[in-house]
Amino acid sequence: MFGYQLYSSRNFPPLADTLAMLAKAGYTSVEGYGGLYDDAAGLAALLKANHLKMPTGHFGIDMLENEVSHALTVATTLGMERIYCPYLPHDQHP
Protein backbone atom coordinates (compact mmCIF):
# COMPACT_ATOMS: atom_id res chain seq x y z
CA MET A 1 0.00 0.00 0.00
CA PHE A 2 1.28 3.43 -0.92
CA GLY A 3 0.30 6.51 1.01
CA TYR A 4 0.86 10.21 0.57
CA GLN A 5 2.45 12.33 3.27
CA LEU A 6 0.26 15.44 3.43
CA TYR A 7 3.10 17.51 4.87
CA SER A 8 4.52 17.46 1.34
CA SER A 9 1.55 19.60 0.23
CA ARG A 10 1.36 21.92 3.23
CA ASN A 11 1.90 24.98 1.03
CA PHE A 12 -0.90 24.08 -1.40
CA PRO A 13 -4.25 24.81 0.20
CA PRO A 14 -7.10 24.15 0.19
CA LEU A 15 -6.80 20.71 1.71
CA ALA A 16 -10.09 19.54 0.19
CA ASP A 17 -8.63 20.07 -3.30
CA THR A 18 -5.46 18.18 -2.41
CA LEU A 19 -7.42 15.22 -1.04
CA ALA A 20 -9.65 15.11 -4.13
CA MET A 21 -6.58 15.19 -6.38
CA LEU A 22 -4.93 12.36 -4.45
CA ALA A 23 -8.06 10.22 -4.57
CA LYS A 24 -8.37 10.82 -8.32
CA ALA A 25 -4.71 9.81 -8.72
CA GLY A 26 -5.50 6.47 -7.06
CA TYR A 27 -4.22 6.99 -3.53
CA THR A 28 -6.19 5.27 -0.78
CA SER A 29 -4.29 6.52 2.25
CA VAL A 30 -2.61 9.66 3.46
CA GLU A 31 -0.44 10.53 6.44
CA GLY A 32 -1.35 13.50 8.59
CA TYR A 33 0.67 16.01 10.58
CA GLY A 34 0.04 18.39 13.46
CA GLY A 35 -1.13 21.37 11.44
CA LEU A 36 -4.15 19.40 10.23
CA TYR A 37 -5.40 18.20 13.60
CA ASP A 38 -7.17 21.36 14.83
CA ASP A 39 -10.46 20.11 13.38
CA ALA A 40 -10.09 16.34 13.47
CA ALA A 41 -13.80 15.73 12.90
CA GLY A 42 -13.80 18.00 9.84
CA LEU A 43 -10.69 16.28 8.52
CA ALA A 44 -12.31 12.87 9.06
CA ALA A 45 -15.29 14.03 7.00
CA LEU A 46 -13.02 15.21 4.16
CA LEU A 47 -11.20 11.88 4.20
CA LYS A 48 -14.46 9.96 4.07
CA ALA A 49 -15.82 12.12 1.25
CA ASN A 50 -12.72 11.29 -0.78
CA HIS A 51 -12.62 7.59 0.17
CA LEU A 52 -9.24 8.04 1.87
CA LYS A 53 -7.89 6.61 5.10
CA MET A 54 -5.31 8.06 7.47
CA PRO A 55 -3.69 5.05 9.14
CA THR A 56 -0.65 7.01 10.36
CA GLY A 57 0.15 10.50 11.54
CA HIS A 58 2.96 12.69 12.80
CA PHE A 59 2.64 14.35 16.20
CA GLY A 60 5.02 16.75 17.89
CA ILE A 61 6.85 15.56 20.98
CA ASP A 62 5.20 18.26 23.11
CA MET A 63 1.74 16.93 22.32
CA LEU A 64 2.79 13.33 22.86
CA GLU A 65 4.32 14.13 26.24
CA ASN A 66 1.94 16.80 27.53
CA GLU A 67 -1.38 16.24 25.75
CA VAL A 68 -1.55 12.46 25.50
CA SER A 69 -5.34 12.33 25.79
CA HIS A 70 -5.77 14.91 23.03
CA ALA A 71 -3.30 13.11 20.74
CA LEU A 72 -5.14 9.82 21.25
CA THR A 73 -8.51 11.48 20.60
CA VAL A 74 -7.22 12.93 17.34
CA ALA A 75 -5.72 9.59 16.32
CA THR A 76 -8.93 7.74 17.14
CA THR A 77 -11.12 10.28 15.34
CA LEU A 78 -9.01 9.91 12.21
CA GLY A 79 -8.76 6.12 12.38
CA MET A 80 -5.00 6.05 12.89
CA GLU A 81 -3.33 2.79 13.73
CA ARG A 82 0.12 4.28 14.38
CA ILE A 83 1.39 7.67 15.46
CA TYR A 84 4.94 8.92 15.07
CA CYS A 85 7.08 11.72 16.38
CA PRO A 86 9.14 12.51 13.28
CA TYR A 87 11.57 14.97 14.83
CA LEU A 88 13.22 15.77 18.13
CA PRO A 89 14.97 19.10 18.62
CA HIS A 90 18.67 18.58 19.24
CA ASP A 91 18.39 19.73 22.86
CA GLN A 92 15.81 16.98 23.53
CA HIS A 93 17.84 14.06 22.18
CA PRO A 94 18.45 11.38 24.82
C-alpha atoms as a PDB file:
ATOM      1  CA  MET A   1       0.000   0.000   0.000  1.00  0.00           C
ATOM      2  CA  PHE A   2       1.276   3.428  -0.920  1.00  0.00           C
ATOM      3  CA  GLY A   3       0.302   6.511   1.011  1.00  0.00           C
ATOM      4  CA  TYR A   4       0.862  10.215   0.569  1.00  0.00           C
ATOM      5  CA  GLN A   5       2.451  12.328   3.273  1.00  0.00           C
ATOM      6  CA  LEU A   6       0.262  15.439   3.428  1.00  0.00           C
ATOM      7  CA  TYR A   7       3.103  17.509   4.870  1.00  0.00           C
ATOM      8  CA  SER A   8       4.518  17.461   1.343  1.00  0.00           C
ATOM      9  CA  SER A   9       1.554  19.599   0.235  1.00  0.00           C
ATOM     10  CA  ARG A  10       1.361  21.917   3.234  1.00  0.00           C
ATOM     11  CA  ASN A  11       1.900  24.976   1.026  1.00  0.00           C
ATOM     12  CA  PHE A  12      -0.898  24.078  -1.401  1.00  0.00           C
ATOM     13  CA  PRO A  13      -4.249  24.812   0.203  1.00  0.00           C
ATOM     14  CA  PRO A  14      -7.099  24.147   0.189  1.00  0.00           C
ATOM     15  CA  LEU A  15      -6.799  20.710   1.712  1.00  0.00           C
ATOM     16  CA  ALA A  16     -10.087  19.540   0.188  1.00  0.00           C
ATOM     17  CA  ASP A  17      -8.630  20.067  -3.298  1.00  0.00           C
ATOM     18  CA  THR A  18      -5.462  18.175  -2.411  1.00  0.00           C
ATOM     19  CA  LEU A  19      -7.423  15.224  -1.041  1.00  0.00           C
ATOM     20  CA  ALA A  20      -9.646  15.105  -4.131  1.00  0.00           C
ATOM     21  CA  MET A  21      -6.578  15.193  -6.384  1.00  0.00           C
ATOM     22  CA  LEU A  22      -4.926  12.358  -4.447  1.00  0.00           C
ATOM     23  CA  ALA A  23      -8.060  10.217  -4.568  1.00  0.00           C
ATOM     24  CA  LYS A  24      -8.368  10.823  -8.319  1.00  0.00           C
ATOM     25  CA  ALA A  25      -4.707   9.809  -8.716  1.00  0.00           C
ATOM     26  CA  GLY A  26      -5.499   6.470  -7.056  1.00  0.00           C
ATOM     27  CA  TYR A  27      -4.224   6.987  -3.528  1.00  0.00           C
ATOM     28  CA  THR A  28      -6.185   5.271  -0.783  1.00  0.00           C
ATOM     29  CA  SER A  29      -4.295   6.518   2.255  1.00  0.00           C
ATOM     30  CA  VAL A  30      -2.608   9.661   3.464  1.00  0.00           C
ATOM     31  CA  GLU A  31      -0.440  10.531   6.440  1.00  0.00           C
ATOM     32  CA  GLY A  32      -1.347  13.504   8.589  1.00  0.00           C
ATOM     33  CA  TYR A  33       0.669  16.010  10.579  1.00  0.00           C
ATOM     34  CA  GLY A  34       0.040  18.389  13.462  1.00  0.00           C
ATOM     35  CA  GLY A  35      -1.130  21.367  11.438  1.00  0.00           C
ATOM     36  CA  LEU A  36      -4.152  19.396  10.229  1.00  0.00           C
ATOM     37  CA  TYR A  37      -5.397  18.198  13.597  1.00  0.00           C
ATOM     38  CA  ASP A  38      -7.165  21.357  14.828  1.00  0.00           C
ATOM     39  CA  ASP A  39     -10.461  20.110  13.377  1.00  0.00           C
ATOM     40  CA  ALA A  40     -10.089  16.337  13.475  1.00  0.00           C
ATOM     41  CA  ALA A  41     -13.804  15.730  12.896  1.00  0.00           C
ATOM     42  CA  GLY A  42     -13.802  17.996   9.842  1.00  0.00           C
ATOM     43  CA  LEU A  43     -10.694  16.275   8.515  1.00  0.00           C
ATOM     44  CA  ALA A  44     -12.307  12.871   9.063  1.00  0.00           C
ATOM     45  CA  ALA A  45     -15.290  14.026   7.001  1.00  0.00           C
ATOM     46  CA  LEU A  46     -13.020  15.213   4.165  1.00  0.00           C
ATOM     47  CA  LEU A  47     -11.197  11.881   4.198  1.00  0.00           C
ATOM     48  CA  LYS A  48     -14.459   9.957   4.072  1.00  0.00           C
ATOM     49  CA  ALA A  49     -15.823  12.115   1.252  1.00  0.00           C
ATOM     50  CA  ASN A  50     -12.720  11.289  -0.781  1.00  0.00           C
ATOM     51  CA  HIS A  51     -12.618   7.589   0.166  1.00  0.00           C
ATOM     52  CA  LEU A  52      -9.242   8.045   1.872  1.00  0.00           C
ATOM     53  CA  LYS A  53      -7.888   6.607   5.104  1.00  0.00           C
ATOM     54  CA  MET A  54      -5.307   8.058   7.468  1.00  0.00           C
ATOM     55  CA  PRO A  55      -3.689   5.047   9.145  1.00  0.00           C
ATOM     56  CA  THR A  56      -0.653   7.013  10.356  1.00  0.00           C
ATOM     57  CA  GLY A  57       0.145  10.497  11.539  1.00  0.00           C
ATOM     58  CA  HIS A  58       2.957  12.686  12.799  1.00  0.00           C
ATOM     59  CA  PHE A  59       2.645  14.347  16.204  1.00  0.00           C
ATOM     60  CA  GLY A  60       5.018  16.754  17.893  1.00  0.00           C
ATOM     61  CA  ILE A  61       6.850  15.560  20.984  1.00  0.00           C
ATOM     62  CA  ASP A  62       5.199  18.258  23.110  1.00  0.00           C
ATOM     63  CA  MET A  63       1.735  16.927  22.322  1.00  0.00           C
ATOM     64  CA  LEU A  64       2.788  13.326  22.863  1.00  0.00           C
ATOM     65  CA  GLU A  65       4.316  14.131  26.237  1.00  0.00           C
ATOM     66  CA  ASN A  66       1.939  16.805  27.526  1.00  0.00           C
ATOM     67  CA  GLU A  67      -1.381  16.238  25.752  1.00  0.00           C
ATOM     68  CA  VAL A  68      -1.555  12.460  25.501  1.00  0.00           C
ATOM     69  CA  SER A  69      -5.337  12.334  25.794  1.00  0.00           C
ATOM     70  CA  HIS A  70      -5.772  14.908  23.028  1.00  0.00           C
ATOM     71  CA  ALA A  71      -3.299  13.108  20.745  1.00  0.00           C
ATOM     72  CA  LEU A  72      -5.140   9.819  21.251  1.00  0.00           C
ATOM     73  CA  THR A  73      -8.506  11.478  20.604  1.00  0.00           C
ATOM     74  CA  VAL A  74      -7.218  12.934  17.336  1.00  0.00           C
ATOM     75  CA  ALA A  75      -5.719   9.587  16.323  1.00  0.00           C
ATOM     76  CA  THR A  76      -8.928   7.739  17.142  1.00  0.00           C
ATOM     77  CA  THR A  77     -11.121  10.276  15.340  1.00  0.00           C
ATOM     78  CA  LEU A  78      -9.012   9.907  12.206  1.00  0.00           C
ATOM     79  CA  GLY A  79      -8.759   6.117  12.379  1.00  0.00           C
ATOM     80  CA  MET A  80      -5.005   6.051  12.892  1.00  0.00           C
ATOM     81  CA  GLU A  81      -3.331   2.791  13.733  1.00  0.00           C
ATOM     82  CA  ARG A  82       0.115   4.281  14.376  1.00  0.00           C
ATOM     83  CA  ILE A  83       1.393   7.667  15.460  1.00  0.00           C
ATOM     84  CA  TYR A  84       4.938   8.925  15.069  1.00  0.00           C
ATOM     85  CA  CYS A  85       7.080  11.718  16.377  1.00  0.00           C
ATOM     86  CA  PRO A  86       9.138  12.513  13.279  1.00  0.00           C
ATOM     87  CA  TYR A  87      11.570  14.972  14.826  1.00  0.00           C
ATOM     88  CA  LEU A  88      13.216  15.771  18.133  1.00  0.00           C
ATOM     89  CA  PRO A  89      14.966  19.096  18.618  1.00  0.00           C
ATOM     90  CA  HIS A  90      18.672  18.576  19.242  1.00  0.00           C
ATOM     91  CA  ASP A  91      18.393  19.726  22.863  1.00  0.00           C
ATOM     92  CA  GLN A  92      15.809  16.979  23.525  1.00  0.00           C
ATOM     93  CA  HIS A  93      17.835  14.061  22.177  1.00  0.00           C
ATOM     94  CA  PRO A  94      18.450  11.381  24.818  1.00  0.00           C
END
